[in-house]
């Protein structure tokens, strides 16, 4: 008769659902907020809505933009044969 068919691999249960994200967006828009970006951390199910005109988004910069650069001749180079 043969072997029974292999069971498909199961996914891990999701920590958030699309309806959670939709409700958060709808609630923010109902308050008159203009959303510029949605960030989701799938491990902790944390949903972050970034709003246009928020003070944090306008002043946020990358710390590496102003970091000092090493001198070019002082950089190490990889030795090749």
N, C-alpha and C. Protein backbone atom coordinates (compact mmCIF):
# COMPACT_ATOMS: atom_id res chain seq x y z
N UNK A 1 0.79 -1.20 0.00
CA UNK A 1 0.00 0.00 0.00
C UNK A 1 0.84 1.26 0.00
N UNK A 2 2.02 1.26 0.46
CA UNK A 2 2.86 2.45 0.42
C UNK A 2 2.80 3.24 1.71
N UNK A 3 3.56 4.27 1.74
CA UNK A 3 3.64 5.12 2.93
C UNK A 3 2.58 6.21 2.88
N UNK A 4 2.13 6.66 4.05
CA UNK A 4 1.15 7.76 4.06
C UNK A 4 1.82 9.06 3.59
N UNK A 5 1.05 9.98 3.03
CA UNK A 5 1.66 11.23 2.55
C UNK A 5 2.29 12.01 3.70
N UNK A 6 3.38 12.70 3.40
CA UNK A 6 4.08 13.49 4.41
C UNK A 6 3.23 14.69 4.83
N UNK A 7 3.30 15.02 6.10
CA UNK A 7 2.54 16.16 6.61
C UNK A 7 3.26 17.46 6.22
N UNK A 8 2.51 18.46 5.80
CA UNK A 8 3.16 19.73 5.46
C UNK A 8 3.70 20.41 6.73
N UNK A 9 4.76 21.16 6.56
CA UNK A 9 5.36 21.88 7.69
C UNK A 9 4.39 22.94 8.19
N UNK A 10 4.30 23.07 9.50
CA UNK A 10 3.41 24.07 10.07
C UNK A 10 4.15 25.37 10.30
N UNK A 11 3.45 26.45 10.10
CA UNK A 11 4.01 27.76 10.40
C UNK A 11 3.84 28.07 11.87
N UNK A 12 4.69 28.93 12.36
CA UNK A 12 4.54 29.39 13.74
C UNK A 12 3.31 30.29 13.80
N UNK A 13 2.59 30.29 14.91
CA UNK A 13 1.42 31.16 14.99
C UNK A 13 1.84 32.63 14.90
N UNK A 14 1.06 33.41 14.18
CA UNK A 14 1.42 34.82 14.01
C UNK A 14 1.17 35.58 15.30
N UNK A 15 2.00 36.59 15.51
CA UNK A 15 1.87 37.38 16.73
C UNK A 15 0.97 38.60 16.51
N UNK A 16 0.70 38.93 15.26
CA UNK A 16 -0.23 40.01 14.96
C UNK A 16 -0.96 39.65 13.68
N UNK A 17 -2.07 40.31 13.46
CA UNK A 17 -2.86 40.05 12.26
C UNK A 17 -3.00 41.33 11.46
N UNK A 18 -3.33 41.18 10.22
CA UNK A 18 -3.50 42.34 9.36
C UNK A 18 -4.62 43.24 9.87
N UNK A 19 -5.61 42.65 10.51
CA UNK A 19 -6.70 43.46 11.05
C UNK A 19 -6.19 44.37 12.17
N UNK A 20 -5.18 43.91 12.94
CA UNK A 20 -4.59 44.75 13.98
C UNK A 20 -3.96 46.00 13.36
N UNK A 21 -3.23 45.80 12.26
CA UNK A 21 -2.59 46.92 11.57
C UNK A 21 -3.65 47.84 10.97
N UNK A 22 -4.66 47.26 10.35
CA UNK A 22 -5.73 48.05 9.74
C UNK A 22 -6.47 48.89 10.77
N UNK A 23 -6.72 48.32 11.93
CA UNK A 23 -7.41 49.07 12.99
C UNK A 23 -6.56 50.22 13.51
N UNK A 24 -5.26 49.97 13.65
CA UNK A 24 -4.37 51.04 14.13
C UNK A 24 -4.30 52.18 13.13
N UNK A 25 -4.23 51.85 11.85
CA UNK A 25 -4.20 52.89 10.80
C UNK A 25 -5.52 53.65 10.77
N UNK A 26 -6.63 52.92 10.83
CA UNK A 26 -7.95 53.57 10.80
C UNK A 26 -8.13 54.49 12.01
N UNK A 27 -7.67 54.07 13.17
CA UNK A 27 -7.80 54.90 14.37
C UNK A 27 -6.97 56.16 14.25
N UNK A 28 -5.77 56.05 13.70
CA UNK A 28 -4.91 57.23 13.53
C UNK A 28 -5.52 58.19 12.50
N UNK A 29 -6.03 57.66 11.42
CA UNK A 29 -6.64 58.51 10.40
C UNK A 29 -7.93 59.15 10.91
N UNK A 30 -8.67 58.46 11.77
CA UNK A 30 -9.88 59.04 12.35
C UNK A 30 -9.55 60.23 13.23
N UNK A 31 -8.36 60.23 13.82
CA UNK A 31 -7.90 61.35 14.64
C UNK A 31 -7.33 62.48 13.80
N UNK A 32 -7.27 62.28 12.47
CA UNK A 32 -6.78 63.33 11.59
C UNK A 32 -5.28 63.30 11.38
N UNK A 33 -4.63 62.20 11.70
CA UNK A 33 -3.18 62.09 11.53
C UNK A 33 -2.85 61.55 10.15
N UNK A 34 -1.81 62.09 9.54
CA UNK A 34 -1.35 61.62 8.24
C UNK A 34 -0.18 60.68 8.47
N UNK A 35 -0.35 59.42 8.14
CA UNK A 35 0.67 58.40 8.39
C UNK A 35 1.66 58.39 7.23
N UNK A 36 2.95 58.44 7.57
CA UNK A 36 3.96 58.38 6.52
C UNK A 36 4.57 56.98 6.40
N UNK A 37 4.55 56.21 7.51
CA UNK A 37 5.17 54.89 7.47
C UNK A 37 4.61 54.03 8.60
N UNK A 38 4.56 52.72 8.36
CA UNK A 38 4.13 51.76 9.38
C UNK A 38 5.30 50.79 9.60
N UNK A 39 5.72 50.65 10.85
CA UNK A 39 6.79 49.71 11.19
C UNK A 39 6.21 48.62 12.07
N UNK A 40 6.54 47.36 11.75
CA UNK A 40 6.02 46.22 12.50
C UNK A 40 7.19 45.34 12.91
N UNK A 41 7.27 45.03 14.20
CA UNK A 41 8.26 44.07 14.70
C UNK A 41 7.52 42.75 14.87
N UNK A 42 7.77 41.78 14.00
CA UNK A 42 7.00 40.53 14.05
C UNK A 42 7.25 39.70 15.31
N UNK A 43 8.39 39.84 15.93
CA UNK A 43 8.68 39.04 17.13
C UNK A 43 7.89 39.51 18.33
N UNK A 44 7.79 40.84 18.51
CA UNK A 44 7.08 41.35 19.68
C UNK A 44 5.68 41.84 19.34
N UNK A 45 5.30 41.80 18.08
CA UNK A 45 4.00 42.27 17.59
C UNK A 45 3.81 43.75 17.87
N UNK A 46 4.89 44.50 17.89
CA UNK A 46 4.82 45.94 18.13
C UNK A 46 4.56 46.64 16.80
N UNK A 47 3.52 47.46 16.76
CA UNK A 47 3.14 48.21 15.57
C UNK A 47 3.40 49.68 15.85
N UNK A 48 4.22 50.31 15.01
CA UNK A 48 4.57 51.72 15.17
C UNK A 48 4.07 52.47 13.94
N UNK A 49 3.29 53.52 14.16
CA UNK A 49 2.83 54.37 13.08
C UNK A 49 3.64 55.66 13.15
N UNK A 50 4.35 55.98 12.07
CA UNK A 50 5.12 57.21 12.00
C UNK A 50 4.26 58.23 11.28
N UNK A 51 4.05 59.36 11.95
CA UNK A 51 3.13 60.38 11.46
C UNK A 51 3.89 61.50 10.77
N UNK A 52 3.36 62.01 9.66
CA UNK A 52 3.97 63.14 8.97
C UNK A 52 3.91 64.36 9.86
N UNK A 53 4.98 65.14 9.86
CA UNK A 53 5.02 66.36 10.65
C UNK A 53 5.37 66.12 12.10
N UNK A 54 5.67 64.88 12.46
CA UNK A 54 6.08 64.57 13.83
C UNK A 54 7.49 65.12 14.04
N UNK A 55 7.74 65.73 15.19
CA UNK A 55 9.03 66.35 15.45
C UNK A 55 10.18 65.34 15.41
N UNK A 56 9.95 64.11 15.86
CA UNK A 56 11.01 63.11 15.87
C UNK A 56 11.46 62.74 14.46
N UNK A 57 10.55 62.68 13.51
CA UNK A 57 10.92 62.26 12.17
C UNK A 57 11.69 63.36 11.44
N UNK A 58 11.43 64.61 11.76
CA UNK A 58 12.12 65.70 11.07
C UNK A 58 13.53 65.91 11.60
N UNK A 59 13.76 65.63 12.86
CA UNK A 59 15.09 65.86 13.44
C UNK A 59 15.93 64.60 13.49
N UNK A 60 15.38 63.47 13.13
CA UNK A 60 16.12 62.21 13.19
C UNK A 60 17.15 62.18 12.07
N UNK A 61 18.40 61.94 12.42
CA UNK A 61 19.46 61.82 11.42
C UNK A 61 20.24 60.55 11.68
N UNK A 62 20.95 60.13 10.71
CA UNK A 62 21.80 58.96 10.83
C UNK A 62 23.09 59.39 11.53
N UNK A 63 23.49 58.76 12.64
CA UNK A 63 24.70 59.18 13.34
C UNK A 63 25.96 58.96 12.51
N UNK A 64 25.91 58.10 11.51
CA UNK A 64 27.07 57.86 10.68
C UNK A 64 27.28 58.95 9.63
N UNK A 65 26.28 59.82 9.42
CA UNK A 65 26.44 60.91 8.47
C UNK A 65 27.49 61.91 8.94
N UNK A 66 27.59 62.13 10.24
CA UNK A 66 28.51 63.11 10.78
C UNK A 66 29.75 62.48 11.41
N UNK A 67 29.90 61.19 11.30
CA UNK A 67 31.04 60.50 11.91
C UNK A 67 32.32 60.85 11.15
N UNK A 68 33.43 61.02 11.87
CA UNK A 68 34.69 61.31 11.17
C UNK A 68 35.16 60.11 10.37
N UNK A 69 35.72 60.37 9.21
CA UNK A 69 36.22 59.31 8.36
C UNK A 69 37.71 59.12 8.60
N UNK A 70 38.18 57.89 8.54
CA UNK A 70 39.63 57.68 8.69
C UNK A 70 40.36 58.19 7.45
N UNK A 71 41.62 58.51 7.64
CA UNK A 71 42.43 58.96 6.51
C UNK A 71 42.58 57.81 5.52
N UNK A 72 42.56 58.12 4.25
CA UNK A 72 42.65 57.10 3.22
C UNK A 72 43.93 56.28 3.30
N UNK A 73 45.13 56.87 3.42
CA UNK A 73 46.34 56.04 3.45
C UNK A 73 46.43 55.16 4.70
N UNK A 74 45.74 55.51 5.76
CA UNK A 74 45.84 54.75 6.99
C UNK A 74 44.95 53.52 6.98
N UNK A 75 44.10 53.36 6.00
CA UNK A 75 43.22 52.19 5.92
C UNK A 75 44.02 50.94 5.63
N UNK A 76 43.58 49.85 6.21
CA UNK A 76 44.22 48.58 5.93
C UNK A 76 43.70 48.03 4.61
N UNK A 77 44.54 47.38 3.91
CA UNK A 77 44.12 46.73 2.68
C UNK A 77 44.36 45.24 2.81
N UNK A 78 43.59 44.48 2.14
CA UNK A 78 43.72 43.03 2.18
C UNK A 78 44.86 42.60 1.29
N UNK A 79 45.72 41.72 1.81
CA UNK A 79 46.84 41.23 1.02
C UNK A 79 46.34 40.14 0.10
N UNK A 80 46.74 40.22 -1.13
CA UNK A 80 46.38 39.18 -2.10
C UNK A 80 47.67 38.55 -2.63
N UNK A 81 47.55 37.34 -3.07
CA UNK A 81 48.75 36.63 -3.55
C UNK A 81 49.10 37.03 -4.94
